[in-house]
Amino acid sequence: MLTLSRRTAAAASTCVLAAATVLGTASAAVADGPGGGVNCGHFICQAEADAPGQTGNGSDSAGSTGSDPQTGGNGSSSPWTCVYELLSPQPAPGSLDWEGHPPGDGAVYKQTCHYLDSINTIIRNQWLADPPPAAAAIDPSVLAQRAVDTMKLAGPDIASPRPAGMYLVGMPMWMWVNQSPTTYGPNTASASAGGVTVTATANVSKIVWTMGDGTAMTCTGPGTRYTAAAGKTDSPTCGHTYTRTSADQIGGRYRITATSTWTIDWQVTTGGGGQGGQLTETRQAQTQIPITELQVLN
């Protein structure tokens, strides 16, 4: 979670947004934000997000209210989504959180903002003259995608065929991948906003192997690891047999691409009445192997 330092009249503390856990419970949520470059009231922050033209414009001292969070301070629609939670107890009289207002004049809220659908998050205390608008609807599919983005899903971890292996025309090749949460699954993550929590679980449902010789194989599992006892038999789950050498290929090797399809099932686990759905993403990995002919010596 990002920790901010207060700005004083003498100097301003500058911070960089970091990935943080989304606030799971709040009294209200609206599509607004701290403003271009992230106006943090008594804090000055700079967002590490692709937002061309955004610059910091925070307030200078107690009594300043900063830019309009609904417009990002420049009249444009803000890419931030914010959640507010009334602080209890309220800050002590004289606290900078009151921004020069006496206790009872408005109230101080904990504001948690997320940039677009990313996990870039900023948290601050915000004085508001009036309660924030009623909670906006939270799209659980957006939270599901946010959860998936934290999984760091990758392409297949190819165990066979190996670049250092020796493979022959007409001999069955066994293909398989190593399994881990990021390369095969299962991989589970959650994301929350506005009192809604979505949990997503990702698994590889198939791997399409493009063999470099004009053929493609679709395998619905990780493949079977070869053992000497199998001899010259075909793989029972995922294999290929080349019919010509790779001598005419660039570098004398076939280029193999393995494309995994990740199937992600998600479910609203808090605050959404059990909604659910499914997402699909693909990832790739490549390898290069030589295919030669068996030479018979007389």
Protein backbone atom coordinates (compact mmCIF):
# COMPACT_ATOMS: atom_id res chain seq x y z
CA MET A 1 0.00 0.00 0.00
CA LEU A 2 1.22 3.47 -0.85
CA THR A 3 2.16 5.66 2.11
CA LEU A 4 2.03 9.41 1.56
CA SER A 5 3.84 12.19 3.42
CA ARG A 6 2.14 15.49 4.15
CA ARG A 7 3.13 18.58 2.19
CA THR A 8 4.21 21.52 4.32
CA ALA A 9 4.62 25.19 3.37
CA ALA A 10 8.38 24.65 3.03
CA ALA A 11 8.50 21.58 0.83
CA ALA A 12 6.31 19.12 -1.04
CA SER A 13 6.67 15.38 -0.79
CA THR A 14 6.52 13.67 -4.17
CA CYS A 15 5.57 10.04 -4.43
CA VAL A 16 5.11 7.46 -7.15
CA LEU A 17 2.02 5.30 -7.44
CA ALA A 18 2.57 1.63 -6.70
CA ALA A 19 0.45 -1.49 -6.99
CA ALA A 20 -1.75 -1.78 -3.95
CA THR A 21 -4.70 -3.76 -2.71
CA VAL A 22 -8.03 -2.25 -3.71
CA LEU A 23 -10.22 -1.08 -0.83
CA GLY A 24 -12.90 -3.68 -0.32
CA THR A 25 -15.52 -1.76 1.70
CA ALA A 26 -16.69 1.80 1.35
CA SER A 27 -19.74 3.97 1.80
CA ALA A 28 -19.78 5.33 -1.75
CA ALA A 29 -18.02 5.04 -5.09
CA VAL A 30 -17.98 7.48 -7.99
CA ALA A 31 -16.13 7.73 -11.28
CA ASP A 32 -13.83 10.57 -10.40
CA GLY A 33 -10.24 11.03 -9.35
CA PRO A 34 -7.59 13.13 -7.71
CA GLY A 35 -7.04 15.14 -10.91
CA GLY A 36 -4.43 15.38 -13.64
CA GLY A 37 -1.17 13.90 -12.42
CA VAL A 38 -3.03 13.07 -9.19
CA ASN A 39 -3.92 16.04 -7.04
CA CYS A 40 -3.62 14.76 -3.48
CA GLY A 41 -4.88 17.80 -1.59
CA HIS A 42 -2.12 18.17 1.00
CA PHE A 43 -0.13 15.54 -0.89
CA ILE A 44 1.54 15.84 -4.29
CA CYS A 45 1.85 12.61 -6.24
CA GLN A 46 2.83 11.68 -9.77
CA ALA A 47 1.00 8.79 -11.44
CA GLU A 48 3.10 6.13 -13.18
CA ALA A 49 0.42 5.57 -15.80
CA ASP A 50 0.19 6.22 -19.53
CA ALA A 51 -1.73 9.46 -19.26
CA PRO A 52 -0.19 11.98 -21.69
CA GLY A 53 -0.52 15.58 -20.65
CA GLN A 54 -1.29 14.95 -17.00
CA THR A 55 0.66 17.06 -14.52
CA GLY A 56 0.51 17.50 -10.76
CA ASN A 57 -1.59 20.38 -9.48
CA GLY A 58 -2.06 19.70 -5.78
CA SER A 59 -3.03 22.29 -3.22
CA ASP A 60 -0.36 24.12 -1.26
CA SER A 61 -1.43 24.19 2.34
CA ALA A 62 -4.26 23.79 4.82
CA GLY A 63 -7.36 25.51 3.55
CA SER A 64 -6.80 24.58 -0.10
CA THR A 65 -9.28 22.23 -1.65
CA GLY A 66 -7.37 21.21 -4.80
CA SER A 67 -8.89 20.55 -8.19
CA ASP A 68 -12.35 19.23 -8.88
CA PRO A 69 -12.00 15.43 -8.59
CA GLN A 70 -14.94 14.87 -10.89
CA THR A 71 -13.19 16.54 -13.81
CA GLY A 72 -9.56 15.90 -12.90
CA GLY A 73 -9.01 19.64 -12.44
CA ASN A 74 -9.01 20.50 -16.14
CA GLY A 75 -12.61 20.00 -17.22
CA SER A 76 -11.97 16.59 -18.78
CA SER A 77 -13.42 13.28 -17.67
CA SER A 78 -11.10 11.65 -15.16
CA PRO A 79 -9.67 8.13 -15.76
CA TRP A 80 -9.77 7.47 -12.01
CA THR A 81 -12.38 5.50 -10.07
CA CYS A 82 -12.60 6.45 -6.41
CA VAL A 83 -14.17 4.89 -3.34
CA TYR A 84 -14.96 6.90 -0.18
CA GLU A 85 -15.26 5.71 3.41
CA LEU A 86 -16.26 8.07 6.23
CA LEU A 87 -13.47 8.25 8.80
CA SER A 88 -14.54 7.17 12.25
CA PRO A 89 -13.56 8.79 14.48
CA GLN A 90 -13.07 12.03 12.58
CA PRO A 91 -9.64 13.74 12.79
CA ALA A 92 -8.90 15.93 15.79
CA PRO A 93 -9.63 19.68 15.57
CA GLY A 94 -6.76 21.50 13.89
CA SER A 95 -5.75 18.48 11.82
CA LEU A 96 -4.61 19.33 8.30
CA ASP A 97 -7.17 16.81 7.07
CA TRP A 98 -9.86 19.42 7.79
CA GLU A 99 -8.20 21.74 5.25
CA GLY A 100 -8.87 24.76 7.47
CA HIS A 101 -12.51 23.92 8.16
CA PRO A 102 -13.81 23.46 11.70
CA PRO A 103 -15.04 20.00 12.73
CA GLY A 104 -18.67 19.64 11.76
CA ASP A 105 -18.22 21.68 8.58
CA GLY A 106 -18.43 18.81 6.12
CA ALA A 107 -16.54 15.63 6.97
CA VAL A 108 -13.27 13.82 6.26
CA TYR A 109 -13.32 10.65 4.19
CA LYS A 110 -10.76 8.00 3.29
CA GLN A 111 -10.48 8.15 -0.51
CA THR A 112 -9.08 5.20 -2.49
CA CYS A 113 -8.60 5.75 -6.23
CA HIS A 114 -7.65 3.37 -9.04
CA TYR A 115 -6.37 4.39 -12.46
CA LEU A 116 -8.56 2.94 -15.24
CA ASP A 117 -8.63 -0.89 -14.79
CA SER A 118 -5.07 -1.15 -13.50
CA ILE A 119 -3.83 -1.81 -9.97
CA ASN A 120 -2.23 1.64 -9.68
CA THR A 121 -3.76 2.97 -6.49
CA ILE A 122 -3.63 6.11 -4.37
CA ILE A 123 -5.08 6.47 -0.88
CA ARG A 124 -5.54 9.74 1.00
CA ASN A 125 -7.80 11.53 3.49
CA GLN A 126 -10.17 13.96 1.73
CA TRP A 127 -12.35 16.69 3.22
CA LEU A 128 -15.73 17.02 1.50
CA ALA A 129 -18.35 19.68 2.16
CA ASP A 130 -21.13 17.24 1.28
CA PRO A 131 -21.36 13.44 1.36
CA PRO A 132 -20.11 11.77 -1.84
CA PRO A 133 -22.70 10.69 -4.44
CA ALA A 134 -24.46 7.37 -4.07
CA ALA A 135 -22.38 4.31 -4.85
CA ALA A 136 -21.87 3.71 -8.55
CA ALA A 137 -22.39 0.26 -9.97
CA ILE A 138 -19.24 -1.87 -9.94
CA ASP A 139 -18.71 -3.96 -13.08
CA PRO A 140 -17.53 -7.35 -11.75
CA SER A 141 -16.01 -8.27 -15.13
CA VAL A 142 -13.64 -5.29 -14.79
CA LEU A 143 -12.60 -6.53 -11.35
CA ALA A 144 -12.13 -10.02 -12.83
CA GLN A 145 -9.77 -8.61 -15.45
CA ARG A 146 -7.92 -6.67 -12.74
CA ALA A 147 -7.46 -9.92 -10.82
CA VAL A 148 -6.16 -11.66 -13.94
CA ASP A 149 -3.67 -8.85 -14.55
CA THR A 150 -2.06 -9.61 -11.18
CA MET A 151 -1.54 -13.28 -12.06
CA LYS A 152 1.32 -12.63 -14.51
CA LEU A 153 0.16 -15.42 -16.80
CA ALA A 154 2.89 -16.62 -19.18
CA GLY A 155 3.30 -18.86 -22.19
CA PRO A 156 4.02 -22.59 -21.95
CA ASP A 157 7.21 -23.68 -20.19
CA ILE A 158 8.33 -26.08 -22.93
CA ALA A 159 10.12 -29.12 -21.54
CA SER A 160 10.15 -31.11 -24.80
CA PRO A 161 11.18 -30.70 -27.54
CA ARG A 162 14.48 -29.14 -26.43
CA PRO A 163 16.80 -26.97 -28.55
CA ALA A 164 19.71 -29.17 -27.46
CA GLY A 165 17.88 -32.39 -28.36
CA MET A 166 18.58 -34.59 -31.38
CA TYR A 167 15.47 -35.58 -33.34
CA LEU A 168 15.10 -37.83 -36.40
CA VAL A 169 12.82 -37.91 -39.41
CA GLY A 170 10.14 -40.57 -38.95
CA MET A 171 10.67 -40.95 -35.20
CA PRO A 172 7.81 -39.99 -32.87
CA MET A 173 8.47 -36.82 -30.89
CA TRP A 174 6.87 -36.49 -27.47
CA MET A 175 5.88 -32.97 -26.44
CA TRP A 176 5.13 -31.81 -22.92
CA VAL A 177 5.36 -28.71 -20.72
CA ASN A 178 6.34 -28.04 -17.13
CA GLN A 179 3.44 -27.00 -14.95
CA SER A 180 3.41 -24.00 -12.61
CA PRO A 181 0.75 -21.44 -11.55
CA THR A 182 2.02 -18.86 -14.06
CA THR A 183 2.62 -21.20 -17.02
CA TYR A 184 -0.19 -23.75 -16.68
CA GLY A 185 -2.36 -23.13 -13.60
CA PRO A 186 -4.31 -23.23 -11.51
CA ASN A 187 -3.73 -19.58 -10.66
CA THR A 188 -6.11 -17.72 -8.35
CA ALA A 189 -6.34 -14.01 -7.51
CA SER A 190 -8.94 -11.53 -6.24
CA ALA A 191 -9.74 -7.85 -6.77
CA SER A 192 -12.12 -5.55 -4.89
CA ALA A 193 -13.77 -2.15 -5.25
CA GLY A 194 -16.82 -0.50 -3.71
CA GLY A 195 -17.62 -3.43 -1.46
CA VAL A 196 -17.51 -5.95 -4.33
CA THR A 197 -14.87 -8.70 -4.42
CA VAL A 198 -14.26 -10.94 -7.43
CA THR A 199 -12.13 -14.09 -7.30
CA ALA A 200 -10.77 -15.53 -10.54
CA THR A 201 -9.10 -18.88 -11.24
CA ALA A 202 -7.11 -19.45 -14.44
CA ASN A 203 -6.15 -22.77 -16.04
CA VAL A 204 -4.67 -23.65 -19.42
CA SER A 205 -7.40 -25.42 -21.39
CA LYS A 206 -5.35 -26.22 -24.50
CA ILE A 207 -1.98 -25.70 -26.17
CA VAL A 208 -1.68 -25.36 -29.94
CA TRP A 209 1.73 -26.39 -31.24
CA THR A 210 2.76 -24.94 -34.62
CA MET A 211 5.56 -27.25 -35.69
CA GLY A 212 7.29 -25.19 -38.37
CA ASP A 213 6.70 -27.75 -41.12
CA GLY A 214 3.20 -26.53 -41.96
CA THR A 215 1.42 -28.67 -39.38
CA ALA A 216 -0.23 -27.79 -36.06
CA MET A 217 -1.17 -29.98 -33.13
CA THR A 218 -3.78 -29.15 -30.47
CA CYS A 219 -3.15 -30.76 -27.08
CA THR A 220 -5.71 -30.47 -24.31
CA GLY A 221 -3.28 -31.33 -21.54
CA PRO A 222 0.33 -30.72 -20.56
CA GLY A 223 1.52 -33.76 -22.53
CA THR A 224 3.15 -36.95 -21.31
CA ARG A 225 6.77 -37.14 -20.24
CA TYR A 226 8.75 -39.67 -22.30
CA THR A 227 10.41 -42.66 -20.66
CA ALA A 228 12.75 -45.22 -22.20
CA ALA A 229 10.12 -47.91 -21.65
CA ALA A 230 7.95 -46.25 -24.32
CA GLY A 231 10.48 -47.11 -27.02
CA LYS A 232 9.50 -45.84 -30.47
CA THR A 233 5.78 -45.50 -29.77
CA ASP A 234 3.75 -42.34 -30.28
CA SER A 235 2.94 -40.09 -27.34
CA PRO A 236 -0.48 -41.01 -25.93
CA THR A 237 -1.41 -37.35 -25.40
CA CYS A 238 0.71 -34.90 -27.39
CA GLY A 239 3.22 -35.70 -30.13
CA HIS A 240 4.35 -35.18 -33.70
CA THR A 241 6.43 -37.01 -36.33
CA TYR A 242 8.44 -35.01 -38.84
CA THR A 243 8.61 -36.35 -42.40
CA ARG A 244 11.53 -34.25 -43.63
CA THR A 245 14.67 -32.71 -42.21
CA SER A 246 15.11 -29.11 -41.14
CA ALA A 247 18.13 -28.65 -43.43
CA ASP A 248 16.28 -26.09 -45.59
CA GLN A 249 15.11 -24.04 -42.61
CA ILE A 250 16.81 -20.87 -41.34
CA GLY A 251 19.67 -22.00 -39.14
CA GLY A 252 18.85 -25.60 -39.98
CA ARG A 253 16.10 -25.73 -37.36
CA TYR A 254 12.32 -25.84 -37.27
CA ARG A 255 10.75 -22.97 -35.33
CA ILE A 256 8.04 -24.24 -32.99
CA THR A 257 5.43 -21.96 -31.40
CA ALA A 258 3.32 -23.19 -28.48
CA THR A 259 0.21 -21.07 -27.83
CA SER A 260 -1.66 -21.72 -24.60
CA THR A 261 -5.28 -20.75 -24.10
CA TRP A 262 -6.02 -19.67 -20.53
CA THR A 263 -9.62 -20.14 -19.44
CA ILE A 264 -10.43 -17.95 -16.44
CA ASP A 265 -13.54 -18.61 -14.36
CA TRP A 266 -14.53 -15.77 -12.04
CA GLN A 267 -17.08 -15.40 -9.29
CA VAL A 268 -18.31 -12.50 -7.18
CA THR A 269 -17.49 -13.62 -3.66
CA THR A 270 -18.58 -10.47 -1.79
CA GLY A 271 -21.29 -7.92 -2.47
CA GLY A 272 -22.54 -9.08 -5.86
CA GLY A 273 -25.14 -11.78 -5.43
CA GLY A 274 -23.00 -14.61 -6.74
CA GLN A 275 -22.46 -13.32 -10.27
CA GLY A 276 -19.89 -15.15 -12.35
CA GLY A 277 -18.43 -15.44 -15.80
CA GLN A 278 -15.50 -16.55 -17.89
CA LEU A 279 -12.57 -14.84 -19.61
CA THR A 280 -10.10 -16.20 -22.16
CA GLU A 281 -6.52 -15.11 -22.80
CA THR A 282 -3.64 -16.56 -24.84
CA ARG A 283 0.12 -16.65 -24.29
CA GLN A 284 2.97 -17.94 -26.47
CA ALA A 285 6.40 -19.52 -26.15
CA GLN A 286 8.85 -20.60 -28.86
CA THR A 287 11.71 -22.99 -29.37
CA GLN A 288 13.88 -24.18 -32.29
CA ILE A 289 14.98 -27.75 -32.96
CA PRO A 290 17.01 -29.64 -35.57
CA ILE A 291 15.53 -32.62 -37.41
CA THR A 292 17.99 -34.92 -39.14
CA GLU A 293 17.96 -38.23 -40.97
CA LEU A 294 19.41 -41.40 -39.52
CA GLN A 295 22.70 -42.12 -41.26
CA VAL A 296 23.41 -45.79 -41.95
CA LEU A 297 27.07 -46.74 -42.36
CA ASN A 298 27.99 -49.72 -44.53
